[in-house]
Amino acid sequence: MDSKNIKQATAQYELLPEIKNRWSARAFDGSPLSVTELNTLLEAAAWAPSANNEQPWIYYYAHRNTEAFKSLWDCLVEGNRPWTAQAAVLMIACTRTTFEQTGKHNGSAEHDLGLANANLLTQATGMNIYGHIMGGFDRAKATALLQLPDNIRPMYMIALGKLGDPASLEEPYKSRELAPRSRKPLDEIVIAI
């Protein structure tokens, strides 16, 4: 089954292919990402806009078949472990909660990390790499593993890799991988005033 066609957005307006084709894959083929591929994704994240150009994001990553990957994988909740085992890379996306210049709270840090993640995923889609952002992980365990200071918060984990066969997944992940995507209509989320 071709999950690419099933998951393609059916939009009312013409979207960029990278937006139309981006989805949170769970079936990865286990092949590695090259250093150039990974660095390209991270550079795309680096060019995201941020309040005061603070760039409060920090990415920690590990390649599959390494001890570091296993350590990151161990931070995931049980529901995210089965399908992430074949990802090429696991990441923890963190945000610096304070401004570097003043030390004051940065209320935009989480939003800015979201923009960086969006850039990373959009670039990945253009390179035929798929990503899945997860909130389901043990943040305290990740903080201890990475020895993060108080002003660095682990916000999300990201699985990255080349698309695999949905048939390789167990349920309920296989059904989710083959279900069409949907979004609320614009009139439910947009209000002209």
N, C-alpha and C. Protein backbone atom coordinates (compact mmCIF):
# COMPACT_ATOMS: atom_id res chain seq x y z
N MET A 1 0.84 -1.19 0.00
CA MET A 1 0.00 0.00 0.00
C MET A 1 0.87 1.24 0.00
N ASP A 2 0.46 2.24 -0.72
CA ASP A 2 1.24 3.47 -0.84
C ASP A 2 0.71 4.52 0.14
N SER A 3 1.37 4.64 1.27
CA SER A 3 0.92 5.61 2.27
C SER A 3 1.11 7.04 1.81
N LYS A 4 2.04 7.30 0.88
CA LYS A 4 2.24 8.67 0.38
C LYS A 4 0.96 9.22 -0.24
N ASN A 5 0.29 8.42 -1.06
CA ASN A 5 -0.94 8.89 -1.70
C ASN A 5 -2.08 9.02 -0.71
N ILE A 6 -2.16 8.10 0.23
CA ILE A 6 -3.21 8.14 1.25
C ILE A 6 -3.07 9.37 2.12
N LYS A 7 -1.85 9.73 2.44
CA LYS A 7 -1.60 10.81 3.39
C LYS A 7 -1.54 12.20 2.75
N GLN A 8 -1.53 12.30 1.44
CA GLN A 8 -1.45 13.61 0.80
C GLN A 8 -2.67 14.47 1.16
N ALA A 9 -2.42 15.69 1.55
CA ALA A 9 -3.49 16.61 1.95
C ALA A 9 -4.40 16.91 0.76
N THR A 10 -5.69 16.88 1.02
CA THR A 10 -6.66 17.33 0.02
C THR A 10 -7.10 18.73 0.44
N ALA A 11 -6.39 19.70 -0.08
CA ALA A 11 -6.58 21.09 0.32
C ALA A 11 -7.51 21.80 -0.66
N GLN A 12 -8.20 22.79 -0.13
CA GLN A 12 -9.10 23.60 -0.95
C GLN A 12 -8.31 24.57 -1.83
N TYR A 13 -7.15 24.98 -1.36
CA TYR A 13 -6.31 25.94 -2.08
C TYR A 13 -4.98 25.28 -2.43
N GLU A 14 -4.27 25.86 -3.38
CA GLU A 14 -3.02 25.28 -3.85
C GLU A 14 -1.91 25.52 -2.81
N LEU A 15 -1.38 24.44 -2.29
CA LEU A 15 -0.32 24.51 -1.28
C LEU A 15 1.01 24.09 -1.88
N LEU A 16 2.09 24.50 -1.22
CA LEU A 16 3.41 24.01 -1.61
C LEU A 16 3.44 22.50 -1.48
N PRO A 17 4.11 21.81 -2.38
CA PRO A 17 4.17 20.34 -2.29
C PRO A 17 4.70 19.85 -0.94
N GLU A 18 5.66 20.58 -0.38
CA GLU A 18 6.24 20.16 0.91
C GLU A 18 5.23 20.23 2.05
N ILE A 19 4.26 21.14 1.94
CA ILE A 19 3.21 21.22 2.95
C ILE A 19 2.16 20.15 2.68
N LYS A 20 1.79 20.00 1.44
CA LYS A 20 0.77 19.04 1.05
C LYS A 20 1.18 17.60 1.36
N ASN A 21 2.47 17.32 1.24
CA ASN A 21 2.96 15.95 1.38
C ASN A 21 3.57 15.64 2.74
N ARG A 22 3.63 16.61 3.64
CA ARG A 22 4.20 16.38 4.97
C ARG A 22 3.19 15.67 5.85
N TRP A 23 3.62 14.62 6.50
CA TRP A 23 2.78 13.93 7.46
C TRP A 23 3.68 13.20 8.44
N SER A 24 3.13 12.83 9.56
CA SER A 24 3.91 12.22 10.64
C SER A 24 3.97 10.71 10.46
N ALA A 25 4.95 10.28 9.70
CA ALA A 25 5.10 8.86 9.39
C ALA A 25 5.50 8.06 10.62
N ARG A 26 5.11 6.80 10.61
CA ARG A 26 5.52 5.85 11.65
C ARG A 26 6.32 4.69 11.06
N ALA A 27 6.17 4.45 9.78
CA ALA A 27 6.89 3.33 9.14
C ALA A 27 8.18 3.85 8.52
N PHE A 28 9.28 3.49 9.13
CA PHE A 28 10.60 3.86 8.62
C PHE A 28 11.30 2.60 8.12
N ASP A 29 12.18 2.78 7.12
CA ASP A 29 12.82 1.61 6.52
C ASP A 29 14.13 1.21 7.19
N GLY A 30 14.59 1.97 8.17
CA GLY A 30 15.81 1.61 8.89
C GLY A 30 17.10 2.07 8.24
N SER A 31 17.01 2.63 7.03
CA SER A 31 18.25 3.09 6.38
C SER A 31 18.75 4.37 7.05
N PRO A 32 20.07 4.59 7.03
CA PRO A 32 20.62 5.76 7.71
C PRO A 32 20.40 7.05 6.93
N LEU A 33 20.49 8.16 7.64
CA LEU A 33 20.57 9.48 7.01
C LEU A 33 22.04 9.87 6.96
N SER A 34 22.45 10.46 5.86
CA SER A 34 23.84 10.90 5.76
C SER A 34 24.06 12.13 6.63
N VAL A 35 25.31 12.43 6.89
CA VAL A 35 25.66 13.64 7.65
C VAL A 35 25.14 14.87 6.92
N THR A 36 25.26 14.89 5.60
CA THR A 36 24.78 16.03 4.81
C THR A 36 23.27 16.16 4.91
N GLU A 37 22.55 15.05 4.82
CA GLU A 37 21.09 15.11 4.94
C GLU A 37 20.68 15.66 6.29
N LEU A 38 21.26 15.14 7.36
CA LEU A 38 20.89 15.59 8.70
C LEU A 38 21.27 17.05 8.91
N ASN A 39 22.45 17.43 8.49
CA ASN A 39 22.87 18.83 8.65
C ASN A 39 22.01 19.78 7.83
N THR A 40 21.52 19.34 6.69
CA THR A 40 20.62 20.16 5.88
C THR A 40 19.31 20.41 6.64
N LEU A 41 18.78 19.38 7.27
CA LEU A 41 17.56 19.54 8.06
C LEU A 41 17.78 20.49 9.23
N LEU A 42 18.91 20.34 9.90
CA LEU A 42 19.20 21.19 11.06
C LEU A 42 19.45 22.64 10.64
N GLU A 43 20.06 22.83 9.47
CA GLU A 43 20.25 24.20 9.00
C GLU A 43 18.91 24.84 8.63
N ALA A 44 18.00 24.05 8.07
CA ALA A 44 16.66 24.58 7.80
C ALA A 44 16.02 25.06 9.10
N ALA A 45 16.17 24.28 10.17
CA ALA A 45 15.64 24.68 11.47
C ALA A 45 16.29 25.97 11.94
N ALA A 46 17.59 26.09 11.72
CA ALA A 46 18.34 27.26 12.19
C ALA A 46 17.85 28.56 11.57
N TRP A 47 17.26 28.48 10.38
CA TRP A 47 16.82 29.69 9.68
C TRP A 47 15.38 30.08 10.01
N ALA A 48 14.78 29.45 10.98
CA ALA A 48 13.43 29.83 11.39
C ALA A 48 13.45 31.19 12.08
N PRO A 49 12.35 31.93 11.98
CA PRO A 49 12.27 33.21 12.70
C PRO A 49 12.15 32.97 14.20
N SER A 50 12.62 33.95 14.96
CA SER A 50 12.49 33.87 16.42
C SER A 50 12.48 35.27 17.01
N ALA A 51 11.86 35.40 18.19
CA ALA A 51 11.79 36.69 18.88
C ALA A 51 13.20 37.19 19.17
N ASN A 52 13.47 38.44 18.80
CA ASN A 52 14.79 39.06 18.98
C ASN A 52 15.92 38.27 18.34
N ASN A 53 15.59 37.44 17.35
CA ASN A 53 16.57 36.56 16.71
C ASN A 53 17.32 35.72 17.75
N GLU A 54 16.61 35.34 18.80
CA GLU A 54 17.21 34.61 19.92
C GLU A 54 17.60 33.18 19.55
N GLN A 55 16.84 32.58 18.63
CA GLN A 55 17.10 31.20 18.21
C GLN A 55 17.23 30.28 19.44
N PRO A 56 16.15 30.15 20.22
CA PRO A 56 16.25 29.45 21.50
C PRO A 56 16.20 27.93 21.42
N TRP A 57 16.32 27.36 20.24
CA TRP A 57 16.22 25.92 20.08
C TRP A 57 17.59 25.26 20.18
N ILE A 58 17.59 24.05 20.70
CA ILE A 58 18.79 23.22 20.77
C ILE A 58 18.33 21.80 20.45
N TYR A 59 19.02 21.16 19.52
CA TYR A 59 18.68 19.79 19.13
C TYR A 59 19.80 18.83 19.56
N TYR A 60 19.41 17.79 20.25
CA TYR A 60 20.31 16.69 20.58
C TYR A 60 19.86 15.51 19.73
N TYR A 61 20.79 14.82 19.07
CA TYR A 61 20.37 13.73 18.19
C TYR A 61 21.32 12.55 18.30
N ALA A 62 20.83 11.41 17.84
CA ALA A 62 21.63 10.19 17.78
C ALA A 62 21.18 9.36 16.59
N HIS A 63 22.15 8.74 15.94
CA HIS A 63 21.85 7.85 14.81
C HIS A 63 21.50 6.45 15.32
N ARG A 64 20.65 5.78 14.55
CA ARG A 64 20.24 4.40 14.86
C ARG A 64 21.46 3.50 14.99
N ASN A 65 21.32 2.44 15.77
CA ASN A 65 22.38 1.46 16.02
C ASN A 65 23.56 2.03 16.79
N THR A 66 23.28 3.03 17.64
CA THR A 66 24.32 3.55 18.54
C THR A 66 23.77 3.50 19.97
N GLU A 67 24.69 3.55 20.93
CA GLU A 67 24.27 3.58 22.33
C GLU A 67 23.47 4.85 22.64
N ALA A 68 23.85 5.95 22.01
CA ALA A 68 23.14 7.22 22.23
C ALA A 68 21.69 7.11 21.75
N PHE A 69 21.47 6.46 20.61
CA PHE A 69 20.11 6.25 20.10
C PHE A 69 19.30 5.45 21.12
N LYS A 70 19.88 4.39 21.64
CA LYS A 70 19.20 3.55 22.63
C LYS A 70 18.86 4.37 23.87
N SER A 71 19.77 5.25 24.29
CA SER A 71 19.51 6.10 25.46
C SER A 71 18.34 7.05 25.21
N LEU A 72 18.28 7.64 24.01
CA LEU A 72 17.16 8.51 23.68
C LEU A 72 15.87 7.70 23.57
N TRP A 73 15.96 6.55 22.92
CA TRP A 73 14.80 5.68 22.73
C TRP A 73 14.21 5.27 24.08
N ASP A 74 15.07 5.05 25.07
CA ASP A 74 14.62 4.68 26.41
C ASP A 74 13.83 5.79 27.09
N CYS A 75 13.94 7.02 26.61
CA CYS A 75 13.16 8.13 27.16
C CYS A 75 11.72 8.14 26.67
N LEU A 76 11.43 7.44 25.58
CA LEU A 76 10.09 7.42 24.99
C LEU A 76 9.11 6.64 25.85
N VAL A 77 7.85 7.05 25.82
CA VAL A 77 6.79 6.27 26.46
C VAL A 77 6.60 4.99 25.65
N GLU A 78 6.03 3.99 26.28
CA GLU A 78 5.86 2.67 25.64
C GLU A 78 5.15 2.76 24.29
N GLY A 79 4.15 3.62 24.18
CA GLY A 79 3.39 3.72 22.94
C GLY A 79 4.17 4.23 21.74
N ASN A 80 5.28 4.90 22.00
CA ASN A 80 6.11 5.42 20.89
C ASN A 80 7.32 4.53 20.59
N ARG A 81 7.56 3.55 21.39
CA ARG A 81 8.76 2.72 21.19
C ARG A 81 8.70 1.77 20.00
N PRO A 82 7.59 1.03 19.80
CA PRO A 82 7.62 0.02 18.73
C PRO A 82 7.94 0.60 17.35
N TRP A 83 7.30 1.68 16.98
CA TRP A 83 7.47 2.19 15.62
C TRP A 83 8.70 3.08 15.45
N THR A 84 9.29 3.57 16.52
CA THR A 84 10.48 4.43 16.39
C THR A 84 11.78 3.63 16.29
N ALA A 85 11.73 2.35 16.55
CA ALA A 85 12.96 1.54 16.55
C ALA A 85 13.65 1.53 15.19
N GLN A 86 12.90 1.73 14.10
CA GLN A 86 13.48 1.72 12.75
C GLN A 86 13.82 3.12 12.23
N ALA A 87 13.63 4.15 13.04
CA ALA A 87 13.98 5.52 12.60
C ALA A 87 15.49 5.61 12.41
N ALA A 88 15.90 6.43 11.48
CA ALA A 88 17.34 6.63 11.24
C ALA A 88 17.97 7.47 12.33
N VAL A 89 17.20 8.43 12.84
CA VAL A 89 17.69 9.37 13.85
C VAL A 89 16.59 9.65 14.85
N LEU A 90 16.96 9.75 16.11
CA LEU A 90 16.07 10.28 17.14
C LEU A 90 16.67 11.59 17.64
N MET A 91 15.80 12.55 17.90
CA MET A 91 16.22 13.86 18.40
C MET A 91 15.41 14.24 19.62
N ILE A 92 16.00 15.05 20.45
CA ILE A 92 15.26 15.77 21.47
C ILE A 92 15.40 17.25 21.14
N ALA A 93 14.26 17.89 20.92
CA ALA A 93 14.23 19.32 20.61
C ALA A 93 13.97 20.08 21.91
N CYS A 94 14.91 20.91 22.27
CA CYS A 94 14.84 21.66 23.53
C CYS A 94 14.71 23.15 23.25
N THR A 95 14.26 23.86 24.26
CA THR A 95 14.19 25.31 24.16
C THR A 95 14.87 25.94 25.36
N ARG A 96 15.56 27.02 25.10
CA ARG A 96 16.15 27.84 26.17
C ARG A 96 15.07 28.80 26.62
N THR A 97 14.69 28.75 27.88
CA THR A 97 13.54 29.49 28.38
C THR A 97 13.86 30.93 28.75
N THR A 98 15.14 31.29 28.71
CA THR A 98 15.55 32.66 29.06
C THR A 98 16.33 33.28 27.90
N PHE A 99 16.25 34.61 27.81
CA PHE A 99 17.02 35.33 26.81
C PHE A 99 18.50 35.30 27.20
N GLU A 100 19.35 35.07 26.22
CA GLU A 100 20.79 35.00 26.50
C GLU A 100 21.35 36.33 27.00
N GLN A 101 20.89 37.44 26.43
CA GLN A 101 21.44 38.75 26.78
C GLN A 101 21.02 39.24 28.16
N THR A 102 19.76 38.96 28.53
CA THR A 102 19.22 39.54 29.77
C THR A 102 18.95 38.52 30.87
N GLY A 103 18.84 37.26 30.51
CA GLY A 103 18.50 36.23 31.48
C GLY A 103 17.02 36.22 31.84
N LYS A 104 16.25 37.12 31.25
CA LYS A 104 14.80 37.19 31.54
C LYS A 104 14.07 36.08 30.78
N HIS A 105 12.86 35.76 31.28
CA HIS A 105 12.04 34.73 30.67
C HIS A 105 11.72 35.06 29.21
N ASN A 106 11.84 34.09 28.35
CA ASN A 106 11.50 34.23 26.93
C ASN A 106 10.16 33.57 26.70
N GLY A 107 9.11 34.36 26.69
CA GLY A 107 7.75 33.85 26.50
C GLY A 107 7.49 33.32 25.11
N SER A 108 8.38 33.58 24.17
CA SER A 108 8.21 33.12 22.79
C SER A 108 9.02 31.87 22.48
N ALA A 109 9.77 31.37 23.43
CA ALA A 109 10.71 30.28 23.16
C ALA A 109 10.04 29.02 22.60
N GLU A 110 8.92 28.61 23.20
CA GLU A 110 8.26 27.40 22.72
C GLU A 110 7.68 27.59 21.32
N HIS A 111 7.11 28.76 21.08
CA HIS A 111 6.60 29.08 19.74
C HIS A 111 7.74 29.04 18.72
N ASP A 112 8.86 29.64 19.09
CA ASP A 112 9.99 29.70 18.17
C ASP A 112 10.56 28.32 17.87
N LEU A 113 10.59 27.45 18.87
CA LEU A 113 11.00 26.06 18.64
C LEU A 113 10.04 25.40 17.66
N GLY A 114 8.75 25.69 17.80
CA GLY A 114 7.77 25.14 16.87
C GLY A 114 8.04 25.58 15.44
N LEU A 115 8.42 26.84 15.26
CA LEU A 115 8.77 27.32 13.92
C LEU A 115 10.00 26.59 13.38
N ALA A 116 10.99 26.39 14.23
CA ALA A 116 12.20 25.68 13.81
C ALA A 116 11.85 24.24 13.42
N ASN A 117 11.00 23.59 14.23
CA ASN A 117 10.57 22.23 13.90
C ASN A 117 9.81 22.19 12.58
N ALA A 118 8.98 23.19 12.34
CA ALA A 118 8.23 23.24 11.08
C ALA A 118 9.18 23.37 9.89
N ASN A 119 10.20 24.23 10.02
CA ASN A 119 11.20 24.34 8.96
C ASN A 119 11.90 23.01 8.72
N LEU A 120 12.29 22.35 9.81
CA LEU A 120 12.99 21.07 9.71
C LEU A 120 12.11 20.05 8.97
N LEU A 121 10.85 19.95 9.36
CA LEU A 121 9.96 18.97 8.74
C LEU A 121 9.64 19.30 7.29
N THR A 122 9.48 20.58 6.98
CA THR A 122 9.21 20.99 5.60
C THR A 122 10.41 20.67 4.71
N GLN A 123 11.61 20.97 5.19
CA GLN A 123 12.83 20.63 4.45
C GLN A 123 12.93 19.12 4.27
N ALA A 124 12.64 18.38 5.34
CA ALA A 124 12.70 16.92 5.26
C ALA A 124 11.78 16.39 4.18
N THR A 125 10.55 16.90 4.13
CA THR A 125 9.59 16.45 3.13
C THR A 125 10.13 16.69 1.73
N GLY A 126 10.74 17.84 1.51
CA GLY A 126 11.33 18.14 0.21
C GLY A 126 12.47 17.21 -0.17
N MET A 127 13.07 16.56 0.84
CA MET A 127 14.19 15.64 0.62
C MET A 127 13.76 14.17 0.70
N ASN A 128 12.44 13.94 0.74
CA ASN A 128 11.89 12.59 0.84
C ASN A 128 12.32 11.90 2.14
N ILE A 129 12.40 12.70 3.19
CA ILE A 129 12.67 12.21 4.55
C ILE A 129 11.43 12.54 5.36
N TYR A 130 11.07 11.65 6.25
CA TYR A 130 9.85 11.84 7.03
C TYR A 130 10.20 12.00 8.50
N GLY A 131 9.41 12.82 9.17
CA GLY A 131 9.62 13.06 10.58
C GLY A 131 8.33 12.93 11.36
N HIS A 132 8.47 12.59 12.62
CA HIS A 132 7.31 12.47 13.50
C HIS A 132 7.68 13.10 14.84
N ILE A 133 6.99 14.17 15.20
CA ILE A 133 7.24 14.86 16.46
C ILE A 133 6.38 14.22 17.54
N MET A 134 7.00 13.99 18.71
CA MET A 134 6.31 13.31 19.81
C MET A 134 6.45 14.10 21.10
N GLY A 135 5.35 14.20 21.80
CA GLY A 135 5.38 14.74 23.16
C GLY A 135 5.45 13.63 24.19
N GLY A 136 5.27 12.40 23.75
CA GLY A 136 5.23 11.26 24.65
C GLY A 136 6.61 10.72 24.99
N PHE A 137 7.26 11.39 25.95
CA PHE A 137 8.54 10.92 26.44
C PHE A 137 8.74 11.45 27.85
N ASP A 138 9.67 10.87 28.56
CA ASP A 138 9.95 11.22 29.95
C ASP A 138 10.92 12.40 29.98
N ARG A 139 10.39 13.59 30.23
CA ARG A 139 11.20 14.80 30.20
C ARG A 139 12.25 14.83 31.32
N ALA A 140 11.87 14.32 32.48
CA ALA A 140 12.83 14.28 33.60
C ALA A 140 14.00 13.35 33.26
N LYS A 141 13.69 12.22 32.65
CA LYS A 141 14.74 11.28 32.25
C LYS A 141 15.64 11.90 31.18
N ALA A 142 15.03 12.60 30.22
CA ALA A 142 15.80 13.27 29.16
C ALA A 142 16.68 14.37 29.74
N THR A 143 16.14 15.13 30.68
CA THR A 143 16.91 16.20 31.32
C THR A 143 18.13 15.64 32.03
N ALA A 144 17.95 14.54 32.75
CA ALA A 144 19.06 13.90 33.45
C ALA A 144 20.07 13.32 32.46
N LEU A 145 19.57 12.64 31.42
CA LEU A 145 20.45 12.04 30.41
C LEU A 145 21.35 13.09 29.77
N LEU A 146 20.75 14.21 29.38
CA LEU A 146 21.49 15.26 28.67
C LEU A 146 22.16 16.26 29.61
N GLN A 147 21.93 16.10 30.91
CA GLN A 147 22.49 16.99 31.93
C GLN A 147 22.16 18.45 31.61
N LEU A 148 20.88 18.69 31.40
CA LEU A 148 20.43 20.02 30.99
C LEU A 148 20.37 20.97 32.19
N PRO A 149 20.78 22.22 31.99
CA PRO A 149 20.62 23.21 33.06
C PRO A 149 19.15 23.61 33.20
N ASP A 150 18.83 24.33 34.26
CA ASP A 150 17.44 24.68 34.57
C ASP A 150 16.74 25.46 33.47
N ASN A 151 17.48 26.24 32.68
CA ASN A 151 16.83 27.07 31.66
C ASN A 151 16.72 26.39 30.29
N ILE A 152 17.05 25.11 30.20
CA ILE A 152 16.90 24.36 28.95
C ILE A 152 15.86 23.27 29.21
N ARG A 153 14.76 23.33 28.44
CA ARG A 153 13.65 22.38 28.61
C ARG A 153 13.53 21.47 27.41
N PRO A 154 13.52 20.15 27.63
CA PRO A 154 13.24 19.23 26.52
C PRO A 154 11.74 19.28 26.22
N MET A 155 11.38 19.64 25.00
CA MET A 155 9.98 19.84 24.65
C MET A 155 9.40 18.69 23.83
N TYR A 156 10.16 18.20 22.87
CA TYR A 156 9.66 17.19 21.95
C TYR A 156 10.77 16.23 21.57
N MET A 157 10.37 15.03 21.20
CA MET A 157 11.30 14.13 20.53
C MET A 157 10.85 14.02 19.08
N ILE A 158 11.81 13.79 18.21
CA ILE A 158 11.52 13.69 16.78
C ILE A 158 12.18 12.43 16.24
N ALA A 159 11.41 11.62 15.53
CA ALA A 159 11.94 10.47 14.80
C ALA A 159 12.04 10.88 13.34
N LEU A 160 13.18 10.59 12.72
CA LEU A 160 13.42 10.92 11.32
C LEU A 160 13.88 9.69 10.56
N GLY A 161 13.49 9.60 9.30
CA GLY A 161 13.98 8.51 8.48
C GLY A 161 13.32 8.47 7.12
N LYS A 162 13.75 7.52 6.34
CA LYS A 162 13.17 7.26 5.02
C LYS A 162 11.92 6.40 5.22
N LEU A 163 10.96 6.60 4.36
CA LEU A 163 9.67 5.92 4.49
C LEU A 163 9.81 4.42 4.30
N GLY A 164 9.17 3.68 5.21
CA GLY A 164 9.16 2.23 5.14
C GLY A 164 7.78 1.71 4.75
N ASP A 165 7.62 0.42 4.78
CA ASP A 165 6.37 -0.25 4.41
C ASP A 165 5.43 -0.27 5.61
N PRO A 166 4.22 0.30 5.47
CA PRO A 166 3.26 0.27 6.58
C PRO A 166 2.93 -1.15 7.05
N ALA A 167 3.06 -2.14 6.18
CA ALA A 167 2.78 -3.53 6.55
C ALA A 167 3.74 -4.03 7.62
N SER A 168 4.87 -3.35 7.79
CA SER A 168 5.85 -3.76 8.80
C SER A 168 5.43 -3.38 10.22
N LEU A 169 4.40 -2.53 10.32
CA LEU A 169 3.95 -2.05 11.63
C LEU A 169 2.91 -2.98 12.25
N GLU A 170 2.94 -3.03 13.57
CA GLU A 170 1.89 -3.74 14.31
C GLU A 170 0.73 -2.77 14.50
N GLU A 171 -0.42 -3.33 14.88
CA GLU A 171 -1.56 -2.48 15.23
C GLU A 171 -1.36 -1.91 16.62
N PRO A 172 -1.81 -0.71 16.89
CA PRO A 172 -2.69 0.12 16.09
C PRO A 172 -1.95 1.03 15.11
N TYR A 173 -0.62 0.89 15.04
CA TYR A 173 0.19 1.81 14.23
C TYR A 173 -0.04 1.64 12.73
N LYS A 174 -0.23 0.40 12.29
CA LYS A 174 -0.46 0.14 10.86
C LYS A 174 -1.71 0.87 10.38
N SER A 175 -2.80 0.76 11.11
CA SER A 175 -4.05 1.44 10.72
C SER A 175 -3.87 2.95 10.68
N ARG A 176 -3.15 3.48 11.65
CA ARG A 176 -2.91 4.93 11.69
C ARG A 176 -2.07 5.37 10.49
N GLU A 177 -1.13 4.54 10.11
CA GLU A 177 -0.26 4.87 8.98
C GLU A 177 -1.02 4.89 7.67
N LEU A 178 -2.09 4.11 7.60
CA LEU A 178 -2.85 4.00 6.35
C LEU A 178 -4.15 4.81 6.36
N ALA A 179 -4.41 5.53 7.43
CA ALA A 179 -5.62 6.36 7.50
C ALA A 179 -5.38 7.70 6.80
N PRO A 180 -6.35 8.17 6.02
CA PRO A 180 -6.20 9.48 5.37
C PRO A 180 -6.07 10.60 6.41
N ARG A 181 -5.38 11.65 6.03
CA ARG A 181 -5.26 12.83 6.89
C ARG A 181 -6.48 13.70 6.72
N SER A 182 -6.80 14.45 7.77
CA SER A 182 -7.88 15.43 7.66
C SER A 182 -7.55 16.62 8.53
N ARG A 183 -8.20 17.72 8.24
CA ARG A 183 -8.05 18.93 9.02
C ARG A 183 -9.41 19.59 9.16
N LYS A 184 -9.55 20.39 10.19
CA LYS A 184 -10.78 21.16 10.36
C LYS A 184 -10.91 22.12 9.19
N PRO A 185 -12.14 22.40 8.76
CA PRO A 185 -12.33 23.40 7.70
C PRO A 185 -11.94 24.78 8.21
N LEU A 186 -11.55 25.65 7.29
CA LEU A 186 -11.09 26.98 7.65
C LEU A 186 -12.12 27.75 8.46
N ASP A 187 -13.40 27.57 8.15
CA ASP A 187 -14.41 28.35 8.87
C ASP A 187 -14.53 27.96 10.36
N GLU A 188 -13.90 26.86 10.75
CA GLU A 188 -13.88 26.49 12.17
C GLU A 188 -12.69 27.07 12.92
N ILE A 189 -11.65 27.49 12.18
CA ILE A 189 -10.42 27.95 12.83
C ILE A 189 -10.04 29.38 12.48
N VAL A 190 -10.78 30.00 11.56
CA VAL A 190 -10.46 31.35 11.11
C VAL A 190 -11.71 32.22 11.23
N ILE A 191 -11.55 33.39 11.85
CA ILE A 191 -12.68 34.29 12.03
C ILE A 191 -12.29 35.68 11.53
N ALA A 192 -13.00 36.17 10.54
CA ALA A 192 -12.78 37.53 10.07
C ALA A 192 -13.47 38.50 11.03
N ILE A 193 -12.76 39.58 11.40
CA ILE A 193 -13.36 40.56 12.30
C ILE A 193 -13.34 41.94 11.68
